[in-house]
Amino acid sequence: MAGLFARDKKILIGVVHLLPLPGSPRWGGRIQRVIERATRDADAYQRGGADAVIIENFGDLPFTKGSVAPETVAAMAAVGHEVRKVLKIPIGFNVLRNDAHAALALCAACRGDFIRVNVHVGAMLTDQGLIEGDAYGTLRLREQLAPDVQILADVHVKHAVALGEWRLENAARDTLERGLADALIVSGEGTGWTTDIDDVKRVRESCPKATILLGSGVSVENIRSFLPHVNGAIVGTSLKAGGKVDNPVDTKRVQTLGTALHAR
């Protein structure tokens, strides 16, 4: 497929976990500190050989299930603008918990290349309550704001459970064929939790031509077992110093995982 996945290799997308932003309970009062941490982490991913980075408002707990506040979008735009200036690789946005419209707007403002949508189709029961996908609205807004931006959509997203008997295979096909996602993301049960390889195989079997990415729990120790079934991985926690999600990105860890991921 075109864009981010045009190259004939597995891709590594590093996660830039933003410190708390204005309006969130743990906001520290200094946007420059948020920007400096984000740009350092983004640069560490690039120097380590990552193929792209995705910026998300990870520090803004608790998250809303709907549209985020305007101060969140403003702060993420300020960060995204500075990150874009220091990187040559693609950047994307994930506006937690599920604000795909804000993510598209950020791509339009910051020359972003892709977004992650946690619930793109169907409905999931989450810690924010019931979240329903809006592929209809997201695809139409993309045509208006950023038609070249790619949509990376979760299948049975982490920190959530599917309602009813919505099987993983059916969710994957609906996300790809009816939601028109550009790539599917398969994750473990939570941030940093290893993805079940059987889940990955089920999604691959149901969507044999899809671009499939791992969305959580990826490490240098487990990546090789997934390689025959996926096109890449979105990684954050294991690439931080000491493997701790709150620590800065460790370039050596990025290099080591990238070598394993890109190995033939």
C-alpha atoms as a PDB file:
ATOM      1  CA  MET A   1       0.000   0.000   0.000  1.00  0.00           C
ATOM      2  CA  ALA A   2       1.038   3.593  -0.449  1.00  0.00           C
ATOM      3  CA  GLY A   3       2.455   5.990   2.105  1.00  0.00           C
ATOM      4  CA  LEU A   4       3.962   4.765   5.351  1.00  0.00           C
ATOM      5  CA  PHE A   5       3.822   1.096   4.355  1.00  0.00           C
ATOM      6  CA  ALA A   6       5.080   1.408   0.791  1.00  0.00           C
ATOM      7  CA  ARG A   7       8.509   0.017   1.633  1.00  0.00           C
ATOM      8  CA  ASP A   8       9.225  -3.690   1.524  1.00  0.00           C
ATOM      9  CA  LYS A   9      10.208  -4.063   5.173  1.00  0.00           C
ATOM     10  CA  LYS A  10       8.745  -4.290   8.641  1.00  0.00           C
ATOM     11  CA  ILE A  11       8.225  -0.881  10.191  1.00  0.00           C
ATOM     12  CA  LEU A  12       8.908   0.347  13.708  1.00  0.00           C
ATOM     13  CA  ILE A  13       6.740   3.188  15.018  1.00  0.00           C
ATOM     14  CA  GLY A  14       7.972   4.705  18.278  1.00  0.00           C
ATOM     15  CA  VAL A  15       5.477   6.195  20.710  1.00  0.00           C
ATOM     16  CA  VAL A  16       6.109   9.693  22.065  1.00  0.00           C
ATOM     17  CA  HIS A  17       4.231   9.634  25.372  1.00  0.00           C
ATOM     18  CA  LEU A  18       3.481  13.267  26.192  1.00  0.00           C
ATOM     19  CA  LEU A  19       3.731  14.587  29.722  1.00  0.00           C
ATOM     20  CA  PRO A  20       0.426  15.922  31.141  1.00  0.00           C
ATOM     21  CA  LEU A  21      -0.986  18.765  29.071  1.00  0.00           C
ATOM     22  CA  PRO A  22      -2.872  21.940  30.084  1.00  0.00           C
ATOM     23  CA  GLY A  23      -6.225  21.168  31.686  1.00  0.00           C
ATOM     24  CA  SER A  24      -5.313  17.648  32.827  1.00  0.00           C
ATOM     25  CA  PRO A  25      -5.120  16.907  36.582  1.00  0.00           C
ATOM     26  CA  ARG A  26      -1.334  16.400  36.584  1.00  0.00           C
ATOM     27  CA  TRP A  27      -0.453  19.351  34.331  1.00  0.00           C
ATOM     28  CA  GLY A  28       2.849  20.785  35.493  1.00  0.00           C
ATOM     29  CA  GLY A  29       2.354  24.321  34.235  1.00  0.00           C
ATOM     30  CA  ARG A  30       5.237  24.399  31.720  1.00  0.00           C
ATOM     31  CA  ILE A  31       4.514  23.609  28.076  1.00  0.00           C
ATOM     32  CA  GLN A  32       8.191  24.046  27.225  1.00  0.00           C
ATOM     33  CA  ARG A  33       9.034  21.089  29.462  1.00  0.00           C
ATOM     34  CA  VAL A  34       6.496  18.974  27.564  1.00  0.00           C
ATOM     35  CA  ILE A  35       7.967  20.070  24.221  1.00  0.00           C
ATOM     36  CA  GLU A  36      11.567  19.442  25.284  1.00  0.00           C
ATOM     37  CA  ARG A  37      10.794  15.935  26.519  1.00  0.00           C
ATOM     38  CA  ALA A  38       8.809  15.107  23.390  1.00  0.00           C
ATOM     39  CA  THR A  39      11.454  16.348  20.978  1.00  0.00           C
ATOM     40  CA  ARG A  40      14.208  14.473  22.838  1.00  0.00           C
ATOM     41  CA  ASP A  41      12.221  11.258  22.731  1.00  0.00           C
ATOM     42  CA  ALA A  42      11.334  11.726  19.065  1.00  0.00           C
ATOM     43  CA  ASP A  43      14.977  12.392  18.184  1.00  0.00           C
ATOM     44  CA  ALA A  44      16.044   9.312  20.138  1.00  0.00           C
ATOM     45  CA  TYR A  45      13.655   7.192  18.081  1.00  0.00           C
ATOM     46  CA  GLN A  46      14.972   8.650  14.843  1.00  0.00           C
ATOM     47  CA  ARG A  47      18.618   8.171  15.827  1.00  0.00           C
ATOM     48  CA  GLY A  48      17.795   4.605  16.836  1.00  0.00           C
ATOM     49  CA  GLY A  49      16.434   3.822  13.393  1.00  0.00           C
ATOM     50  CA  ALA A  50      12.658   3.971  13.952  1.00  0.00           C
ATOM     51  CA  ASP A  51      10.630   4.406  10.765  1.00  0.00           C
ATOM     52  CA  ALA A  52       8.080   6.812  12.273  1.00  0.00           C
ATOM     53  CA  VAL A  53       6.829   8.205  15.579  1.00  0.00           C
ATOM     54  CA  ILE A  54       3.329   8.655  16.931  1.00  0.00           C
ATOM     55  CA  ILE A  55       2.533  11.390  19.441  1.00  0.00           C
ATOM     56  CA  GLU A  56      -0.141  10.751  22.058  1.00  0.00           C
ATOM     57  CA  ASN A  57      -1.465  12.586  25.120  1.00  0.00           C
ATOM     58  CA  PHE A  58      -0.539   9.697  27.388  1.00  0.00           C
ATOM     59  CA  GLY A  59      -0.199  11.840  30.517  1.00  0.00           C
ATOM     60  CA  ASP A  60      -3.730  13.236  30.380  1.00  0.00           C
ATOM     61  CA  LEU A  61      -5.405  10.671  32.634  1.00  0.00           C
ATOM     62  CA  PRO A  62      -8.295  10.291  33.103  1.00  0.00           C
ATOM     63  CA  PHE A  63      -9.300  10.334  29.448  1.00  0.00           C
ATOM     64  CA  THR A  64     -12.597  11.379  27.930  1.00  0.00           C
ATOM     65  CA  LYS A  65     -14.512   9.042  25.648  1.00  0.00           C
ATOM     66  CA  GLY A  66     -15.512  11.909  23.350  1.00  0.00           C
ATOM     67  CA  SER A  67     -13.870  14.992  21.940  1.00  0.00           C
ATOM     68  CA  VAL A  68     -10.918  16.335  23.917  1.00  0.00           C
ATOM     69  CA  ALA A  69     -10.817  19.921  25.172  1.00  0.00           C
ATOM     70  CA  PRO A  70      -9.503  22.682  22.891  1.00  0.00           C
ATOM     71  CA  GLU A  71      -6.504  23.259  25.174  1.00  0.00           C
ATOM     72  CA  THR A  72      -5.449  19.640  24.572  1.00  0.00           C
ATOM     73  CA  VAL A  73      -5.499  20.073  20.802  1.00  0.00           C
ATOM     74  CA  ALA A  74      -3.671  23.396  21.083  1.00  0.00           C
ATOM     75  CA  ALA A  75      -0.944  21.888  23.253  1.00  0.00           C
ATOM     76  CA  MET A  76      -0.534  18.854  20.984  1.00  0.00           C
ATOM     77  CA  ALA A  77      -0.246  21.161  17.970  1.00  0.00           C
ATOM     78  CA  ALA A  78       2.515  23.115  19.704  1.00  0.00           C
ATOM     79  CA  VAL A  79       4.353  19.878  20.452  1.00  0.00           C
ATOM     80  CA  GLY A  80       3.716  18.405  17.011  1.00  0.00           C
ATOM     81  CA  HIS A  81       5.063  21.498  15.285  1.00  0.00           C
ATOM     82  CA  GLU A  82       8.351  21.262  17.193  1.00  0.00           C
ATOM     83  CA  VAL A  83       8.651  17.495  16.714  1.00  0.00           C
ATOM     84  CA  ARG A  84       8.052  17.872  12.977  1.00  0.00           C
ATOM     85  CA  LYS A  85      10.948  20.340  12.782  1.00  0.00           C
ATOM     86  CA  VAL A  86      13.483  17.902  14.262  1.00  0.00           C
ATOM     87  CA  LEU A  87      12.425  14.778  12.367  1.00  0.00           C
ATOM     88  CA  LYS A  88      12.831  13.564   8.812  1.00  0.00           C
ATOM     89  CA  ILE A  89      10.691  10.458   9.403  1.00  0.00           C
ATOM     90  CA  PRO A  90       6.852  10.415   9.325  1.00  0.00           C
ATOM     91  CA  ILE A  91       4.851  11.471  12.378  1.00  0.00           C
ATOM     92  CA  GLY A  92       1.343  10.579  13.493  1.00  0.00           C
ATOM     93  CA  PHE A  93      -1.121  11.368  16.264  1.00  0.00           C
ATOM     94  CA  ASN A  94      -3.259   9.387  18.689  1.00  0.00           C
ATOM     95  CA  VAL A  95      -5.617  11.618  20.676  1.00  0.00           C
ATOM     96  CA  LEU A  96      -6.776   9.573  23.645  1.00  0.00           C
ATOM     97  CA  ARG A  97      -9.137   8.124  24.189  1.00  0.00           C
ATOM     98  CA  ASN A  98     -10.718   8.216  20.759  1.00  0.00           C
ATOM     99  CA  ASP A  99     -10.726  11.678  19.177  1.00  0.00           C
ATOM    100  CA  ALA A 100      -9.948  10.840  15.562  1.00  0.00           C
ATOM    101  CA  HIS A 101     -11.183  14.228  14.372  1.00  0.00           C
ATOM    102  CA  ALA A 102      -8.656  16.061  16.547  1.00  0.00           C
ATOM    103  CA  ALA A 103      -5.931  13.714  15.330  1.00  0.00           C
ATOM    104  CA  LEU A 104      -6.769  14.522  11.712  1.00  0.00           C
ATOM    105  CA  ALA A 105      -6.738  18.246  12.476  1.00  0.00           C
ATOM    106  CA  LEU A 106      -3.302  17.855  14.071  1.00  0.00           C
ATOM    107  CA  CYS A 107      -2.016  16.078  10.987  1.00  0.00           C
ATOM    108  CA  ALA A 108      -3.317  18.916   8.821  1.00  0.00           C
ATOM    109  CA  ALA A 109      -1.644  21.535  11.023  1.00  0.00           C
ATOM    110  CA  CYS A 110       1.640  19.710  11.686  1.00  0.00           C
ATOM    111  CA  ARG A 111       2.205  17.857   8.398  1.00  0.00           C
ATOM    112  CA  GLY A 112       1.347  14.538   9.982  1.00  0.00           C
ATOM    113  CA  ASP A 113       1.183  11.310   8.024  1.00  0.00           C
ATOM    114  CA  PHE A 114      -1.115   8.981   9.969  1.00  0.00           C
ATOM    115  CA  ILE A 115      -3.446   8.645  12.949  1.00  0.00           C
ATOM    116  CA  ARG A 116      -4.306   5.861  15.355  1.00  0.00           C
ATOM    117  CA  VAL A 117      -7.987   5.318  16.129  1.00  0.00           C
ATOM    118  CA  ASN A 118      -8.719   3.123  19.141  1.00  0.00           C
ATOM    119  CA  VAL A 119     -12.385   2.445  18.251  1.00  0.00           C
ATOM    120  CA  HIS A 120     -12.978   3.001  14.542  1.00  0.00           C
ATOM    121  CA  VAL A 121     -16.015   0.747  14.040  1.00  0.00           C
ATOM    122  CA  GLY A 122     -18.390  -1.037  16.398  1.00  0.00           C
ATOM    123  CA  ALA A 123     -18.532  -0.392  20.122  1.00  0.00           C
ATOM    124  CA  MET A 124     -16.239  -1.229  23.032  1.00  0.00           C
ATOM    125  CA  LEU A 125     -16.772  -1.126  26.785  1.00  0.00           C
ATOM    126  CA  THR A 126     -13.850   0.813  28.267  1.00  0.00           C
ATOM    127  CA  ASP A 127     -12.833   2.516  31.494  1.00  0.00           C
ATOM    128  CA  GLN A 128     -14.349   5.682  29.984  1.00  0.00           C
ATOM    129  CA  GLY A 129     -17.666   3.906  29.399  1.00  0.00           C
ATOM    130  CA  LEU A 130     -19.147   2.800  26.103  1.00  0.00           C
ATOM    131  CA  ILE A 131     -17.200   4.110  23.096  1.00  0.00           C
ATOM    132  CA  GLU A 132     -18.695   3.836  19.622  1.00  0.00           C
ATOM    133  CA  GLY A 133     -16.710   4.069  16.427  1.00  0.00           C
ATOM    134  CA  ASP A 134     -17.380   6.770  13.832  1.00  0.00           C
ATOM    135  CA  ALA A 135     -15.731   5.567  10.654  1.00  0.00           C
ATOM    136  CA  TYR A 136     -18.379   7.509   8.696  1.00  0.00           C
ATOM    137  CA  GLY A 137     -17.384  10.855  10.183  1.00  0.00           C
ATOM    138  CA  THR A 138     -13.658  10.148  10.288  1.00  0.00           C
ATOM    139  CA  LEU A 139     -13.359   9.168   6.614  1.00  0.00           C
ATOM    140  CA  ARG A 140     -15.347  12.179   5.498  1.00  0.00           C
ATOM    141  CA  LEU A 141     -13.353  14.602   7.618  1.00  0.00           C
ATOM    142  CA  ARG A 142     -10.141  13.103   6.282  1.00  0.00           C
ATOM    143  CA  GLU A 143     -11.232  13.981   2.738  1.00  0.00           C
ATOM    144  CA  GLN A 144     -11.687  17.595   3.833  1.00  0.00           C
ATOM    145  CA  LEU A 145      -8.582  18.095   5.985  1.00  0.00           C
ATOM    146  CA  ALA A 146      -5.854  15.619   5.104  1.00  0.00           C
ATOM    147  CA  PRO A 147      -6.738  13.132   2.359  1.00  0.00           C
ATOM    148  CA  ASP A 148      -3.292  11.526   2.301  1.00  0.00           C
ATOM    149  CA  VAL A 149      -3.269  10.704   6.026  1.00  0.00           C
ATOM    150  CA  GLN A 150      -3.504   7.004   6.796  1.00  0.00           C
ATOM    151  CA  ILE A 151      -5.790   5.504   9.436  1.00  0.00           C
ATOM    152  CA  LEU A 152      -4.309   2.874  11.735  1.00  0.00           C
ATOM    153  CA  ALA A 153      -7.251   1.309  13.562  1.00  0.00           C
ATOM    154  CA  ASP A 154      -7.290  -0.990  16.569  1.00  0.00           C
ATOM    155  CA  VAL A 155      -9.155  -4.280  16.529  1.00  0.00           C
ATOM    156  CA  HIS A 156     -10.615  -5.001  19.984  1.00  0.00           C
ATOM    157  CA  VAL A 157      -8.484  -2.227  21.459  1.00  0.00           C
ATOM    158  CA  LYS A 158      -6.590  -2.644  24.739  1.00  0.00           C
ATOM    159  CA  HIS A 159      -8.112  -1.507  28.049  1.00  0.00           C
ATOM    160  CA  ALA A 160     -11.503  -2.534  26.673  1.00  0.00           C
ATOM    161  CA  VAL A 161     -13.803  -5.467  25.961  1.00  0.00           C
ATOM    162  CA  ALA A 162     -16.061  -6.053  22.992  1.00  0.00           C
ATOM    163  CA  LEU A 163     -19.800  -6.019  23.491  1.00  0.00           C
ATOM    164  CA  GLY A 164     -21.790  -9.139  22.765  1.00  0.00           C
ATOM    165  CA  GLU A 165     -20.464 -11.876  20.513  1.00  0.00           C
ATOM    166  CA  TRP A 166     -18.382  -9.647  18.240  1.00  0.00           C
ATOM    167  CA  ARG A 167     -15.608 -12.077  17.368  1.00  0.00           C
ATOM    168  CA  LEU A 168     -12.090 -10.791  16.731  1.00  0.00           C
ATOM    169  CA  GLU A 169     -12.113 -12.016  13.138  1.00  0.00           C
ATOM    170  CA  ASN A 170     -15.388 -10.248  12.381  1.00  0.00           C
ATOM    171  CA  ALA A 171     -14.163  -7.039  14.006  1.00  0.00           C
ATOM    172  CA  ALA A 172     -11.005  -7.157  11.909  1.00  0.00           C
ATOM    173  CA  ARG A 173     -12.898  -7.626   8.645  1.00  0.00           C
ATOM    174  CA  ASP A 174     -15.391  -4.892   9.513  1.00  0.00           C
ATOM    175  CA  THR A 175     -12.596  -2.474  10.414  1.00  0.00           C
ATOM    176  CA  LEU A 176     -10.774  -3.145   7.154  1.00  0.00           C
ATOM    177  CA  GLU A 177     -13.576  -3.660   4.640  1.00  0.00           C
ATOM    178  CA  ARG A 178     -16.405  -1.508   6.027  1.00  0.00           C
ATOM    179  CA  GLY A 179     -14.405   1.037   8.030  1.00  0.00           C
ATOM    180  CA  LEU A 180     -11.796   1.346   5.244  1.00  0.00           C
ATOM    181  CA  ALA A 181      -8.874   1.435   7.677  1.00  0.00           C
ATOM    182  CA  ASP A 182      -5.426   1.500   6.090  1.00  0.00           C
ATOM    183  CA  ALA A 183      -3.920  -0.780   8.734  1.00  0.00           C
ATOM    184  CA  LEU A 184      -5.090  -2.941  11.636  1.00  0.00           C
ATOM    185  CA  ILE A 185      -3.586  -2.889  15.120  1.00  0.00           C
ATOM    186  CA  VAL A 186      -3.678  -5.911  17.424  1.00  0.00           C
ATOM    187  CA  SER A 187      -2.731  -5.431  21.077  1.00  0.00           C
ATOM    188  CA  GLY A 188      -2.615  -7.107  24.446  1.00  0.00           C
ATOM    189  CA  GLU A 189      -5.076  -6.308  27.217  1.00  0.00           C
ATOM    190  CA  GLY A 190      -3.300  -3.127  28.343  1.00  0.00           C
ATOM    191  CA  THR A 191      -0.363  -0.773  27.808  1.00  0.00           C
ATOM    192  CA  GLY A 192       2.862  -2.773  27.837  1.00  0.00           C
ATOM    193  CA  TRP A 193       1.012  -6.117  27.856  1.00  0.00           C
ATOM    194  CA  THR A 194       2.248  -8.662  25.336  1.00  0.00           C
ATOM    195  CA  THR A 195      -0.084  -9.272  22.418  1.00  0.00           C
ATOM    196  CA  ASP A 196      -1.479 -12.806  22.179  1.00  0.00           C
ATOM    197  CA  ILE A 197       0.121 -14.374  19.114  1.00  0.00           C
ATOM    198  CA  ASP A 198      -3.011 -16.448  18.547  1.00  0.00           C
ATOM    199  CA  ASP A 199      -4.988 -13.210  18.214  1.00  0.00           C
ATOM    200  CA  VAL A 200      -2.522 -11.988  15.614  1.00  0.00           C
ATOM    201  CA  LYS A 201      -2.825 -15.230  13.669  1.00  0.00           C
ATOM    202  CA  ARG A 202      -6.620 -15.030  13.752  1.00  0.00           C
ATOM    203  CA  VAL A 203      -6.578 -11.494  12.365  1.00  0.00           C
ATOM    204  CA  ARG A 204      -4.044 -12.475   9.684  1.00  0.00           C
ATOM    205  CA  GLU A 205      -6.131 -15.461   8.623  1.00  0.00           C
ATOM    206  CA  SER A 206      -9.299 -13.371   8.408  1.00  0.00           C
ATOM    207  CA  CYS A 207      -7.553 -10.472   6.606  1.00  0.00           C
ATOM    208  CA  PRO A 208      -4.689 -12.064   4.647  1.00  0.00           C
ATOM    209  CA  LYS A 209      -3.840  -8.952   2.602  1.00  0.00           C
ATOM    210  CA  ALA A 210      -4.143  -6.413   5.422  1.00  0.00           C
ATOM    211  CA  THR A 211      -1.335  -4.363   6.909  1.00  0.00           C
ATOM    212  CA  ILE A 212      -1.195  -5.573  10.533  1.00  0.00           C
ATOM    213  CA  LEU A 213       0.729  -3.911  13.356  1.00  0.00           C
ATOM    214  CA  LEU A 214       1.421  -5.017  16.899  1.00  0.00           C
ATOM    215  CA  GLY A 215       0.105  -2.435  19.344  1.00  0.00           C
ATOM    216  CA  SER A 216       1.472  -3.337  22.768  1.00  0.00           C
ATOM    217  CA  GLY A 217       3.996  -5.401  24.697  1.00  0.00           C
ATOM    218  CA  VAL A 218       6.590  -5.648  21.912  1.00  0.00           C
ATOM    219  CA  SER A 219      10.165  -6.312  23.000  1.00  0.00           C
ATOM    220  CA  VAL A 220      13.396  -7.600  21.521  1.00  0.00           C
ATOM    221  CA  GLU A 221      12.763 -10.888  23.327  1.00  0.00           C
ATOM    222  CA  ASN A 222       9.426 -11.632  21.658  1.00  0.00           C
ATOM    223  CA  ILE A 223       9.433  -9.822  18.316  1.00  0.00           C
ATOM    224  CA  ARG A 224      10.797 -12.669  16.180  1.00  0.00           C
ATOM    225  CA  SER A 225       7.838 -14.940  16.889  1.00  0.00           C
ATOM    226  CA  PHE A 226       5.477 -12.311  15.480  1.00  0.00           C
ATOM    227  CA  LEU A 227       7.436 -11.408  12.339  1.00  0.00           C
ATOM    228  CA  PRO A 228       5.832 -13.946   9.960  1.00  0.00           C
ATOM    229  CA  HIS A 229       2.381 -12.544  10.756  1.00  0.00           C
ATOM    230  CA  VAL A 230       2.764  -8.750  10.987  1.00  0.00           C
ATOM    231  CA  ASN A 231       4.007  -5.772   8.989  1.00  0.00           C
ATOM    232  CA  GLY A 232       5.453  -3.905  11.936  1.00  0.00           C
ATOM    233  CA  ALA A 233       4.933  -2.682  15.473  1.00  0.00           C
ATOM    234  CA  ILE A 234       4.001   0.384  17.499  1.00  0.00           C
ATOM    235  CA  VAL A 235       6.313   0.389  20.510  1.00  0.00           C
ATOM    236  CA  GLY A 236       6.811   2.624  23.523  1.00  0.00           C
ATOM    237  CA  THR A 237       7.324   1.020  26.930  1.00  0.00           C
ATOM    238  CA  SER A 238      10.118  -1.435  26.118  1.00  0.00           C
ATOM    239  CA  LEU A 239      12.118   1.298  24.358  1.00  0.00           C
ATOM    240  CA  LYS A 240      12.289   3.515  27.442  1.00  0.00           C
ATOM    241  CA  ALA A 241      15.244   3.474  29.847  1.00  0.00           C
ATOM    242  CA  GLY A 242      14.898   0.406  32.030  1.00  0.00           C
ATOM    243  CA  GLY A 243      11.750  -0.601  30.149  1.00  0.00           C
ATOM    244  CA  LYS A 244       9.702   1.833  32.269  1.00  0.00           C
ATOM    245  CA  VAL A 245       6.967   3.776  30.481  1.00  0.00           C
ATOM    246  CA  ASP A 246       7.607   7.039  32.359  1.00  0.00           C
ATOM    247  CA  ASN A 247      11.328   7.136  31.496  1.00  0.00           C
ATOM    248  CA  PRO A 248      12.952   8.785  28.456  1.00  0.00           C
ATOM    249  CA  VAL A 249      13.488   6.826  25.246  1.00  0.00           C
ATOM    250  CA  ASP A 250      16.726   4.811  25.135  1.00  0.00           C
ATOM    251  CA  THR A 251      18.314   5.003  21.665  1.00  0.00           C
ATOM    252  CA  LYS A 252      20.215   1.751  22.154  1.00  0.00           C
ATOM    253  CA  ARG A 253      16.991  -0.095  22.920  1.00  0.00           C
ATOM    254  CA  VAL A 254      15.467   1.347  19.735  1.00  0.00           C
ATOM    255  CA  GLN A 255      18.475   0.205  17.718  1.00  0.00           C
ATOM    256  CA  THR A 256      18.356  -3.306  19.156  1.00  0.00           C
ATOM    257  CA  LEU A 257      14.648  -3.768  18.514  1.00  0.00           C
ATOM    258  CA  GLY A 258      14.910  -2.194  15.070  1.00  0.00           C
ATOM    259  CA  THR A 259      17.655  -4.624  14.112  1.00  0.00           C
ATOM    260  CA  ALA A 260      15.515  -7.560  15.199  1.00  0.00           C
ATOM    261  CA  LEU A 261      12.419  -6.206  13.468  1.00  0.00           C
ATOM    262  CA  HIS A 262      14.161  -5.404  10.198  1.00  0.00           C
ATOM    263  CA  ALA A 263      16.091  -8.674  10.063  1.00  0.00           C
ATOM    264  CA  ARG A 264      15.294 -10.879   7.097  1.00  0.00           C
END
